[in-house]
Amino acid sequence: AKLNRAGVTLEEYSPEDTRNFSLEHEIAGLEEQWYEGKRLRLTYSVGD
C-alpha cells in the first residue's frame, strides 16, 4: 500500500506482440546493475 501511494506503477511488456527495443535496452541496464558485484551468475535453473 505504501508503494502504491508513492506512485509506483506496474506495466506489462509483450514482446510477442511488439518488440520495444528501447525498453529492452533499459531493462538490460537494470540487469547489469543487479549483477554488478555479485560473485557469479546462475544459468541452469535460473532463467533468462
All heavy atoms as atom14 arrays in JSON, in Angstrom:
{
  "sequence": "AKLNRAGVTLEEYSPEDTRNFSLEHEIAGLEEQWYEGKRLRLTYSVGD",
  "atom14_mask": [
    [1, 1, 1, 1, 1, 0, 0, 0, 0, 0, 0, 0, 0, 0],
    [1, 1, 1, 1, 1, 1, 1, 1, 1, 0, 0, 0, 0, 0],
    [1, 1, 1, 1, 1, 1, 1, 1, 0, 0, 0, 0, 0, 0],
    [1, 1, 1, 1, 1, 1, 1, 1, 0, 0, 0, 0, 0, 0],
    [1, 1, 1, 1, 1, 1, 1, 1, 1, 1, 1, 0, 0, 0],
    [1, 1, 1, 1, 1, 0, 0, 0, 0, 0, 0, 0, 0, 0],
    [1, 1, 1, 1, 0, 0, 0, 0, 0, 0, 0, 0, 0, 0],
    [1, 1, 1, 1, 1, 1, 1, 0, 0, 0, 0, 0, 0, 0],
    [1, 1, 1, 1, 1, 1, 1, 0, 0, 0, 0, 0, 0, 0],
    [1, 1, 1, 1, 1, 1, 1, 1, 0, 0, 0, 0, 0, 0],
    [1, 1, 1, 1, 1, 1, 1, 1, 1, 0, 0, 0, 0, 0],
    [1, 1, 1, 1, 1, 1, 1, 1, 1, 0, 0, 0, 0, 0],
    [1, 1, 1, 1, 1, 1, 1, 1, 1, 1, 1, 1, 0, 0],
    [1, 1, 1, 1, 1, 1, 0, 0, 0, 0, 0, 0, 0, 0],
    [1, 1, 1, 1, 1, 1, 1, 0, 0, 0, 0, 0, 0, 0],
    [1, 1, 1, 1, 1, 1, 1, 1, 1, 0, 0, 0, 0, 0],
    [1, 1, 1, 1, 1, 1, 1, 1, 0, 0, 0, 0, 0, 0],
    [1, 1, 1, 1, 1, 1, 1, 0, 0, 0, 0, 0, 0, 0],
    [1, 1, 1, 1, 1, 1, 1, 1, 1, 1, 1, 0, 0, 0],
    [1, 1, 1, 1, 1, 1, 1, 1, 0, 0, 0, 0, 0, 0],
    [1, 1, 1, 1, 1, 1, 1, 1, 1, 1, 1, 0, 0, 0],
    [1, 1, 1, 1, 1, 1, 0, 0, 0, 0, 0, 0, 0, 0],
    [1, 1, 1, 1, 1, 1, 1, 1, 0, 0, 0, 0, 0, 0],
    [1, 1, 1, 1, 1, 1, 1, 1, 1, 0, 0, 0, 0, 0],
    [1, 1, 1, 1, 1, 1, 1, 1, 1, 1, 0, 0, 0, 0],
    [1, 1, 1, 1, 1, 1, 1, 1, 1, 0, 0, 0, 0, 0],
    [1, 1, 1, 1, 1, 1, 1, 1, 0, 0, 0, 0, 0, 0],
    [1, 1, 1, 1, 1, 0, 0, 0, 0, 0, 0, 0, 0, 0],
    [1, 1, 1, 1, 0, 0, 0, 0, 0, 0, 0, 0, 0, 0],
    [1, 1, 1, 1, 1, 1, 1, 1, 0, 0, 0, 0, 0, 0],
    [1, 1, 1, 1, 1, 1, 1, 1, 1, 0, 0, 0, 0, 0],
    [1, 1, 1, 1, 1, 1, 1, 1, 1, 0, 0, 0, 0, 0],
    [1, 1, 1, 1, 1, 1, 1, 1, 1, 0, 0, 0, 0, 0],
    [1, 1, 1, 1, 1, 1, 1, 1, 1, 1, 1, 1, 1, 1],
    [1, 1, 1, 1, 1, 1, 1, 1, 1, 1, 1, 1, 0, 0],
    [1, 1, 1, 1, 1, 1, 1, 1, 1, 0, 0, 0, 0, 0],
    [1, 1, 1, 1, 0, 0, 0, 0, 0, 0, 0, 0, 0, 0],
    [1, 1, 1, 1, 1, 1, 1, 1, 1, 0, 0, 0, 0, 0],
    [1, 1, 1, 1, 1, 1, 1, 1, 1, 1, 1, 0, 0, 0],
    [1, 1, 1, 1, 1, 1, 1, 1, 0, 0, 0, 0, 0, 0],
    [1, 1, 1, 1, 1, 1, 1, 1, 1, 1, 1, 0, 0, 0],
    [1, 1, 1, 1, 1, 1, 1, 1, 0, 0, 0, 0, 0, 0],
    [1, 1, 1, 1, 1, 1, 1, 0, 0, 0, 0, 0, 0, 0],
    [1, 1, 1, 1, 1, 1, 1, 1, 1, 1, 1, 1, 0, 0],
    [1, 1, 1, 1, 1, 1, 0, 0, 0, 0, 0, 0, 0, 0],
    [1, 1, 1, 1, 1, 1, 1, 0, 0, 0, 0, 0, 0, 0],
    [1, 1, 1, 1, 0, 0, 0, 0, 0, 0, 0, 0, 0, 0],
    [1, 1, 1, 1, 1, 1, 1, 1, 0, 0, 0, 0, 0, 0]
  ],
  "atom14_positions": [
    [[0.83, -1.21, 0.0], [0.0, 0.0, 0.0], [0.86, 1.26, 0.0], [0.54, 2.24, -0.67], [-0.93, -0.01, 1.22], [0.0, 0.0, 0.0], [0.0, 0.0, 0.0], [0.0, 0.0, 0.0], [0.0, 0.0, 0.0], [0.0, 0.0, 0.0], [0.0, 0.0, 0.0], [0.0, 0.0, 0.0], [0.0, 0.0, 0.0], [0.0, 0.0, 0.0]],
    [[1.97, 1.23, 0.75], [2.86, 2.39, 0.82], [3.44, 2.73, -0.55], [3.47, 3.89, -0.97], [3.98, 2.11, 1.81], [5.0, 3.22, 1.93], [6.11, 2.84, 2.91], [7.18, 3.92, 2.98], [8.28, 3.55, 3.92], [0.0, 0.0, 0.0], [0.0, 0.0, 0.0], [0.0, 0.0, 0.0], [0.0, 0.0, 0.0], [0.0, 0.0, 0.0]],
    [[3.89, 1.69, -1.29], [4.48, 1.94, -2.61], [3.41, 2.35, -3.62], [3.69, 3.15, -4.52], [5.23, 0.71, -3.09], [6.52, 0.39, -2.31], [7.26, -0.79, -2.94], [7.45, 1.59, -2.25], [0.0, 0.0, 0.0], [0.0, 0.0, 0.0], [0.0, 0.0, 0.0], [0.0, 0.0, 0.0], [0.0, 0.0, 0.0], [0.0, 0.0, 0.0]],
    [[2.21, 1.83, -3.46], [1.12, 2.3, -4.33], [0.87, 3.79, -4.12], [0.71, 4.55, -5.08], [-0.15, 1.51, -4.04], [-0.14, 0.13, -4.66], [0.57, -0.12, -5.64], [-0.91, -0.79, -4.1], [0.0, 0.0, 0.0], [0.0, 0.0, 0.0], [0.0, 0.0, 0.0], [0.0, 0.0, 0.0], [0.0, 0.0, 0.0], [0.0, 0.0, 0.0]],
    [[0.84, 4.21, -2.85], [0.61, 5.64, -2.55], [1.77, 6.5, -3.05], [1.57, 7.66, -3.42], [0.44, 5.84, -1.04], [-0.86, 5.28, -0.48], [-1.11, 5.8, 0.92], [-0.05, 5.41, 1.86], [-0.05, 4.28, 2.56], [-1.06, 3.41, 2.43], [0.95, 4.02, 3.39], [0.0, 0.0, 0.0], [0.0, 0.0, 0.0], [0.0, 0.0, 0.0]],
    [[2.97, 5.91, -3.08], [4.15, 6.66, -3.54], [4.19, 6.78, -5.06], [5.09, 7.42, -5.61], [5.42, 5.99, -3.03], [0.0, 0.0, 0.0], [0.0, 0.0, 0.0], [0.0, 0.0, 0.0], [0.0, 0.0, 0.0], [0.0, 0.0, 0.0], [0.0, 0.0, 0.0], [0.0, 0.0, 0.0], [0.0, 0.0, 0.0], [0.0, 0.0, 0.0]],
    [[3.23, 6.15, -5.74], [3.15, 6.29, -7.19], [3.89, 5.22, -7.98], [4.12, 5.39, -9.19], [0.0, 0.0, 0.0], [0.0, 0.0, 0.0], [0.0, 0.0, 0.0], [0.0, 0.0, 0.0], [0.0, 0.0, 0.0], [0.0, 0.0, 0.0], [0.0, 0.0, 0.0], [0.0, 0.0, 0.0], [0.0, 0.0, 0.0], [0.0, 0.0, 0.0]],
    [[4.26, 4.11, -7.34], [4.9, 3.01, -8.07], [3.82, 2.29, -8.88], [2.77, 1.92, -8.35], [5.61, 2.03, -7.11], [6.22, 0.87, -7.9], [6.68, 2.76, -6.32], [0.0, 0.0, 0.0], [0.0, 0.0, 0.0], [0.0, 0.0, 0.0], [0.0, 0.0, 0.0], [0.0, 0.0, 0.0], [0.0, 0.0, 0.0], [0.0, 0.0, 0.0]],
    [[4.09, 2.1, -10.15], [3.1, 1.51, -11.05], [3.65, 0.29, -11.76], [4.86, 0.15, -11.96], [2.63, 2.52, -12.11], [3.78, 3.01, -12.83], [1.91, 3.69, -11.44], [0.0, 0.0, 0.0], [0.0, 0.0, 0.0], [0.0, 0.0, 0.0], [0.0, 0.0, 0.0], [0.0, 0.0, 0.0], [0.0, 0.0, 0.0], [0.0, 0.0, 0.0]],
    [[2.75, -0.61, -12.14], [3.09, -1.85, -12.84], [2.75, -1.72, -14.31], [1.69, -1.19, -14.67], [2.31, -3.02, -12.24], [2.52, -4.39, -12.88], [3.8, -5.03, -12.36], [1.32, -5.31, -12.6], [0.0, 0.0, 0.0], [0.0, 0.0, 0.0], [0.0, 0.0, 0.0], [0.0, 0.0, 0.0], [0.0, 0.0, 0.0], [0.0, 0.0, 0.0]],
    [[3.65, -2.19, -15.18], [3.39, -2.25, -16.61], [3.71, -3.65, -17.11], [4.63, -4.29, -16.61], [4.29, -1.26, -17.36], [4.18, 0.19, -16.93], [5.23, 1.06, -17.57], [5.72, 0.69, -18.67], [5.6, 2.09, -16.99], [0.0, 0.0, 0.0], [0.0, 0.0, 0.0], [0.0, 0.0, 0.0], [0.0, 0.0, 0.0], [0.0, 0.0, 0.0]],
    [[2.95, -4.12, -18.09], [3.25, -5.41, -18.72], [3.83, -5.16, -20.11], [3.35, -4.31, -20.85], [2.01, -6.29, -18.83], [2.33, -7.67, -19.41], [1.21, -8.69, -19.25], [0.11, -8.31, -18.77], [1.44, -9.86, -19.6], [0.0, 0.0, 0.0], [0.0, 0.0, 0.0], [0.0, 0.0, 0.0], [0.0, 0.0, 0.0], [0.0, 0.0, 0.0]],
    [[4.88, -5.92, -20.43], [5.53, -5.84, -21.73], [5.31, -7.15, -22.47], [5.55, -8.23, -21.92], [7.02, -5.55, -21.56], [7.82, -5.62, -22.84], [7.38, -5.0, -24.0], [9.05, -6.29, -22.88], [8.11, -5.06, -25.17], [9.8, -6.34, -24.04], [9.32, -5.73, -25.19], [10.05, -5.79, -26.35], [0.0, 0.0, 0.0], [0.0, 0.0, 0.0]],
    [[4.85, -7.07, -23.72], [4.54, -8.26, -24.51], [5.36, -8.28, -25.79], [4.89, -7.83, -26.84], [3.04, -8.3, -24.84], [2.25, -8.28, -23.66], [0.0, 0.0, 0.0], [0.0, 0.0, 0.0], [0.0, 0.0, 0.0], [0.0, 0.0, 0.0], [0.0, 0.0, 0.0], [0.0, 0.0, 0.0], [0.0, 0.0, 0.0], [0.0, 0.0, 0.0]],
    [[6.59, -8.79, -25.74], [7.44, -8.79, -26.94], [6.92, -9.67, -28.05], [7.29, -9.48, -29.21], [8.79, -9.3, -26.41], [8.45, -10.06, -25.17], [7.28, -9.37, -24.58], [0.0, 0.0, 0.0], [0.0, 0.0, 0.0], [0.0, 0.0, 0.0], [0.0, 0.0, 0.0], [0.0, 0.0, 0.0], [0.0, 0.0, 0.0], [0.0, 0.0, 0.0]],
    [[6.05, -10.64, -27.73], [5.46, -11.48, -28.78], [4.52, -10.65, -29.65], [4.27, -11.01, -30.81], [4.74, -12.67, -28.17], [5.69, -13.74, -27.65], [4.97, -14.92, -27.03], [4.13, -14.71, -26.15], [5.26, -16.07, -27.43], [0.0, 0.0, 0.0], [0.0, 0.0, 0.0], [0.0, 0.0, 0.0], [0.0, 0.0, 0.0], [0.0, 0.0, 0.0]],
    [[3.99, -9.56, -29.11], [3.13, -8.67, -29.89], [3.97, -7.64, -30.64], [3.92, -7.56, -31.87], [2.12, -7.98, -28.97], [1.16, -8.97, -28.32], [0.92, -10.04, -28.91], [0.69, -8.67, -27.21], [0.0, 0.0, 0.0], [0.0, 0.0, 0.0], [0.0, 0.0, 0.0], [0.0, 0.0, 0.0], [0.0, 0.0, 0.0], [0.0, 0.0, 0.0]],
    [[4.72, -6.85, -29.9], [5.56, -5.8, -30.49], [6.82, -5.64, -29.67], [6.74, -5.46, -28.45], [4.81, -4.44, -30.53], [3.58, -4.6, -31.23], [5.66, -3.39, -31.22], [0.0, 0.0, 0.0], [0.0, 0.0, 0.0], [0.0, 0.0, 0.0], [0.0, 0.0, 0.0], [0.0, 0.0, 0.0], [0.0, 0.0, 0.0], [0.0, 0.0, 0.0]],
    [[7.97, -5.71, -30.31], [9.23, -5.51, -29.6], [9.44, -4.03, -29.33], [9.26, -3.19, -30.21], [10.41, -6.05, -30.43], [10.41, -7.56, -30.64], [10.75, -8.33, -29.38], [12.11, -8.1, -28.9], [13.18, -8.78, -29.3], [13.07, -9.71, -30.25], [14.38, -8.53, -28.78], [0.0, 0.0, 0.0], [0.0, 0.0, 0.0], [0.0, 0.0, 0.0]],
    [[9.85, -3.72, -28.12], [10.21, -2.36, -27.72], [11.69, -2.38, -27.36], [12.05, -2.67, -26.21], [9.35, -1.91, -26.53], [9.62, -0.46, -26.13], [10.71, 0.08, -26.37], [8.64, 0.16, -25.48], [0.0, 0.0, 0.0], [0.0, 0.0, 0.0], [0.0, 0.0, 0.0], [0.0, 0.0, 0.0], [0.0, 0.0, 0.0], [0.0, 0.0, 0.0]],
    [[12.55, -2.09, -28.33], [13.98, -2.24, -28.1], [14.52, -1.18, -27.14], [15.51, -1.42, -26.44], [14.73, -2.2, -29.43], [14.41, -3.38, -30.31], [13.55, -3.25, -31.39], [14.97, -4.61, -30.05], [13.25, -4.34, -32.19], [14.68, -5.71, -30.84], [13.82, -5.58, -31.92], [0.0, 0.0, 0.0], [0.0, 0.0, 0.0], [0.0, 0.0, 0.0]],
    [[13.89, -0.04, -27.08], [14.29, 0.98, -26.12], [14.07, 0.48, -24.69], [14.93, 0.63, -23.82], [13.52, 2.28, -26.36], [13.83, 3.23, -25.38], [0.0, 0.0, 0.0], [0.0, 0.0, 0.0], [0.0, 0.0, 0.0], [0.0, 0.0, 0.0], [0.0, 0.0, 0.0], [0.0, 0.0, 0.0], [0.0, 0.0, 0.0], [0.0, 0.0, 0.0]],
    [[12.9, -0.13, -24.45], [12.62, -0.69, -23.13], [13.57, -1.84, -22.82], [14.08, -1.95, -21.69], [11.17, -1.16, -23.07], [10.76, -1.9, -21.78], [10.97, -1.01, -20.55], [9.31, -2.37, -21.87], [0.0, 0.0, 0.0], [0.0, 0.0, 0.0], [0.0, 0.0, 0.0], [0.0, 0.0, 0.0], [0.0, 0.0, 0.0], [0.0, 0.0, 0.0]],
    [[13.82, -2.69, -23.8], [14.73, -3.82, -23.57], [16.13, -3.34, -23.23], [16.83, -3.95, -22.4], [14.74, -4.74, -24.79], [13.43, -5.49, -24.98], [13.43, -6.4, -26.2], [14.54, -6.74, -26.68], [12.34, -6.77, -26.66], [0.0, 0.0, 0.0], [0.0, 0.0, 0.0], [0.0, 0.0, 0.0], [0.0, 0.0, 0.0], [0.0, 0.0, 0.0]],
    [[16.56, -2.25, -23.84], [17.86, -1.68, -23.51], [17.86, -1.16, -22.07], [18.84, -1.34, -21.32], [18.19, -0.54, -24.48], [19.5, 0.13, -24.21], [20.71, -0.46, -24.51], [19.79, 1.34, -23.64], [21.69, 0.35, -24.14], [21.16, 1.45, -23.62], [0.0, 0.0, 0.0], [0.0, 0.0, 0.0], [0.0, 0.0, 0.0], [0.0, 0.0, 0.0]],
    [[16.76, -0.56, -21.67], [16.63, -0.06, -20.3], [16.67, -1.23, -19.31], [17.32, -1.16, -18.25], [15.33, 0.72, -20.16], [15.17, 1.46, -18.86], [13.86, 2.23, -18.8], [13.02, 2.09, -19.72], [13.68, 2.97, -17.82], [0.0, 0.0, 0.0], [0.0, 0.0, 0.0], [0.0, 0.0, 0.0], [0.0, 0.0, 0.0], [0.0, 0.0, 0.0]],
    [[15.98, -2.31, -19.67], [15.96, -3.5, -18.81], [17.35, -4.11, -18.71], [17.79, -4.54, -17.62], [14.94, -4.52, -19.35], [13.52, -4.0, -19.13], [15.13, -5.88, -18.68], [12.44, -4.82, -19.8], [0.0, 0.0, 0.0], [0.0, 0.0, 0.0], [0.0, 0.0, 0.0], [0.0, 0.0, 0.0], [0.0, 0.0, 0.0], [0.0, 0.0, 0.0]],
    [[18.07, -4.15, -19.84], [19.44, -4.69, -19.82], [20.33, -3.88, -18.88], [21.2, -4.45, -18.19], [20.01, -4.69, -21.24], [0.0, 0.0, 0.0], [0.0, 0.0, 0.0], [0.0, 0.0, 0.0], [0.0, 0.0, 0.0], [0.0, 0.0, 0.0], [0.0, 0.0, 0.0], [0.0, 0.0, 0.0], [0.0, 0.0, 0.0], [0.0, 0.0, 0.0]],
    [[20.12, -2.57, -18.84], [20.89, -1.74, -17.93], [20.61, -2.07, -16.48], [21.53, -2.13, -15.65], [0.0, 0.0, 0.0], [0.0, 0.0, 0.0], [0.0, 0.0, 0.0], [0.0, 0.0, 0.0], [0.0, 0.0, 0.0], [0.0, 0.0, 0.0], [0.0, 0.0, 0.0], [0.0, 0.0, 0.0], [0.0, 0.0, 0.0], [0.0, 0.0, 0.0]],
    [[19.34, -2.32, -16.16], [18.98, -2.7, -14.79], [19.55, -4.07, -14.45], [20.02, -4.3, -13.32], [17.46, -2.7, -14.62], [16.94, -3.08, -13.23], [17.48, -2.14, -12.17], [15.41, -3.09, -13.21], [0.0, 0.0, 0.0], [0.0, 0.0, 0.0], [0.0, 0.0, 0.0], [0.0, 0.0, 0.0], [0.0, 0.0, 0.0], [0.0, 0.0, 0.0]],
    [[19.53, -4.97, -15.42], [20.11, -6.31, -15.2], [21.59, -6.21, -14.85], [22.08, -6.88, -13.93], [19.92, -7.17, -16.45], [20.51, -8.57, -16.34], [20.34, -9.37, -17.61], [19.82, -8.82, -18.61], [20.76, -10.54, -17.62], [0.0, 0.0, 0.0], [0.0, 0.0, 0.0], [0.0, 0.0, 0.0], [0.0, 0.0, 0.0], [0.0, 0.0, 0.0]],
    [[22.32, -5.37, -15.56], [23.74, -5.2, -15.27], [23.95, -4.63, -13.88], [24.86, -5.05, -13.15], [24.39, -4.3, -16.33], [24.54, -4.95, -17.69], [25.34, -6.23, -17.63], [26.42, -6.23, -16.99], [24.88, -7.25, -18.19], [0.0, 0.0, 0.0], [0.0, 0.0, 0.0], [0.0, 0.0, 0.0], [0.0, 0.0, 0.0], [0.0, 0.0, 0.0]],
    [[23.11, -3.68, -13.49], [23.21, -3.13, -12.13], [22.95, -4.22, -11.09], [23.61, -4.29, -10.05], [22.2, -2.0, -11.93], [22.49, -0.74, -12.71], [21.48, 0.34, -12.4], [21.18, 0.62, -11.24], [20.91, 0.92, -13.45], [0.0, 0.0, 0.0], [0.0, 0.0, 0.0], [0.0, 0.0, 0.0], [0.0, 0.0, 0.0], [0.0, 0.0, 0.0]],
    [[21.97, -5.06, -11.36], [21.59, -6.12, -10.42], [22.74, -7.1, -10.21], [23.01, -7.54, -9.09], [20.35, -6.83, -10.95], [19.97, -8.08, -10.2], [19.93, -9.35, -10.69], [19.54, -8.18, -8.84], [19.52, -10.23, -9.73], [19.28, -9.53, -8.58], [19.37, -7.24, -7.82], [18.85, -9.99, -7.32], [18.95, -7.7, -6.57], [18.69, -9.05, -6.35]],
    [[23.45, -7.44, -11.29], [24.53, -8.43, -11.19], [25.88, -7.81, -10.84], [26.82, -8.55, -10.51], [24.66, -9.21, -12.5], [23.62, -10.3, -12.65], [22.63, -10.23, -13.62], [23.64, -11.41, -11.8], [21.68, -11.23, -13.75], [22.7, -12.4, -11.92], [21.72, -12.32, -12.89], [20.78, -13.31, -13.02], [0.0, 0.0, 0.0], [0.0, 0.0, 0.0]],
    [[25.98, -6.5, -10.89], [27.25, -5.86, -10.6], [27.67, -6.17, -9.16], [26.92, -5.97, -8.21], [27.15, -4.35, -10.78], [28.48, -3.63, -10.61], [28.36, -2.13, -10.89], [27.25, -1.69, -11.27], [29.36, -1.43, -10.7], [0.0, 0.0, 0.0], [0.0, 0.0, 0.0], [0.0, 0.0, 0.0], [0.0, 0.0, 0.0], [0.0, 0.0, 0.0]],
    [[28.87, -6.69, -9.02], [29.37, -7.02, -7.7], [28.99, -8.39, -7.2], [29.53, -8.87, -6.19], [0.0, 0.0, 0.0], [0.0, 0.0, 0.0], [0.0, 0.0, 0.0], [0.0, 0.0, 0.0], [0.0, 0.0, 0.0], [0.0, 0.0, 0.0], [0.0, 0.0, 0.0], [0.0, 0.0, 0.0], [0.0, 0.0, 0.0], [0.0, 0.0, 0.0]],
    [[28.06, -9.07, -7.88], [27.73, -10.43, -7.48], [28.85, -11.37, -7.92], [29.51, -11.16, -8.92], [26.39, -10.87, -8.08], [25.21, -10.1, -7.49], [23.9, -10.66, -7.98], [22.73, -9.87, -7.4], [22.63, -10.02, -5.94], [0.0, 0.0, 0.0], [0.0, 0.0, 0.0], [0.0, 0.0, 0.0], [0.0, 0.0, 0.0], [0.0, 0.0, 0.0]],
    [[29.01, -12.45, -7.17], [30.16, -13.32, -7.4], [30.01, -14.2, -8.63], [30.99, -14.6, -9.22], [30.4, -14.17, -6.15], [30.96, -13.35, -5.0], [30.95, -14.11, -3.71], [29.61, -14.21, -3.15], [29.35, -14.68, -1.93], [30.33, -15.08, -1.16], [28.11, -14.74, -1.48], [0.0, 0.0, 0.0], [0.0, 0.0, 0.0], [0.0, 0.0, 0.0]],
    [[28.79, -14.52, -9.01], [28.59, -15.28, -10.23], [27.13, -15.22, -10.63], [26.28, -14.79, -9.86], [29.03, -16.74, -10.06], [28.33, -17.55, -8.95], [27.31, -18.49, -9.55], [29.35, -18.33, -8.15], [0.0, 0.0, 0.0], [0.0, 0.0, 0.0], [0.0, 0.0, 0.0], [0.0, 0.0, 0.0], [0.0, 0.0, 0.0], [0.0, 0.0, 0.0]],
    [[26.87, -15.64, -11.85], [25.51, -15.69, -12.36], [25.13, -17.14, -12.57], [25.87, -17.91, -13.17], [25.42, -14.93, -13.69], [25.68, -13.46, -13.53], [25.74, -12.73, -14.84], [24.47, -12.72, -15.53], [24.1, -11.81, -16.41], [24.91, -10.8, -16.69], [22.94, -11.87, -17.0], [0.0, 0.0, 0.0], [0.0, 0.0, 0.0], [0.0, 0.0, 0.0]],
    [[23.96, -17.53, -12.06], [23.49, -18.89, -12.24], [22.79, -19.01, -13.58], [22.19, -18.08, -14.08], [22.52, -19.25, -11.1], [23.11, -19.07, -9.69], [22.08, -19.43, -8.65], [24.35, -19.9, -9.51], [0.0, 0.0, 0.0], [0.0, 0.0, 0.0], [0.0, 0.0, 0.0], [0.0, 0.0, 0.0], [0.0, 0.0, 0.0], [0.0, 0.0, 0.0]],
    [[22.86, -20.24, -14.15], [22.35, -20.37, -15.51], [21.39, -21.52, -15.71], [20.52, -21.44, -16.56], [23.52, -20.59, -16.49], [24.27, -21.74, -16.08], [24.43, -19.38, -16.52], [0.0, 0.0, 0.0], [0.0, 0.0, 0.0], [0.0, 0.0, 0.0], [0.0, 0.0, 0.0], [0.0, 0.0, 0.0], [0.0, 0.0, 0.0], [0.0, 0.0, 0.0]],
    [[21.52, -22.62, -14.96], [20.75, -23.8, -15.34], [19.28, -23.68, -14.95], [18.4, -23.75, -15.79], [21.35, -25.08, -14.75], [20.54, -26.3, -15.09], [20.61, -26.84, -16.37], [19.66, -26.86, -14.18], [19.85, -27.94, -16.72], [18.91, -27.96, -14.52], [18.99, -28.5, -15.78], [18.24, -29.58, -16.12], [0.0, 0.0, 0.0], [0.0, 0.0, 0.0]],
    [[19.02, -23.55, -13.65], [17.62, -23.48, -13.24], [17.21, -22.08, -12.82], [16.19, -21.88, -12.17], [17.35, -24.46, -12.1], [18.12, -24.13, -10.98], [0.0, 0.0, 0.0], [0.0, 0.0, 0.0], [0.0, 0.0, 0.0], [0.0, 0.0, 0.0], [0.0, 0.0, 0.0], [0.0, 0.0, 0.0], [0.0, 0.0, 0.0], [0.0, 0.0, 0.0]],
    [[18.01, -21.12, -13.16], [17.61, -19.72, -13.06], [17.61, -19.16, -14.47], [18.61, -19.22, -15.17], [18.57, -18.92, -12.16], [18.16, -17.46, -12.11], [18.6, -19.52, -10.76], [0.0, 0.0, 0.0], [0.0, 0.0, 0.0], [0.0, 0.0, 0.0], [0.0, 0.0, 0.0], [0.0, 0.0, 0.0], [0.0, 0.0, 0.0], [0.0, 0.0, 0.0]],
    [[16.48, -18.65, -14.89], [16.31, -18.39, -16.32], [16.91, -17.09, -16.8], [17.62, -16.38, -16.11], [0.0, 0.0, 0.0], [0.0, 0.0, 0.0], [0.0, 0.0, 0.0], [0.0, 0.0, 0.0], [0.0, 0.0, 0.0], [0.0, 0.0, 0.0], [0.0, 0.0, 0.0], [0.0, 0.0, 0.0], [0.0, 0.0, 0.0], [0.0, 0.0, 0.0]],
    [[16.57, -16.77, -18.06], [16.94, -15.52, -18.7], [15.65, -14.93, -19.25], [14.6, -15.54, -19.21], [17.96, -15.79, -19.81], [18.81, -14.57, -20.11], [18.39, -13.46, -19.73], [19.87, -14.73, -20.73], [0.0, 0.0, 0.0], [0.0, 0.0, 0.0], [0.0, 0.0, 0.0], [0.0, 0.0, 0.0], [0.0, 0.0, 0.0], [0.0, 0.0, 0.0]]
  ]
}
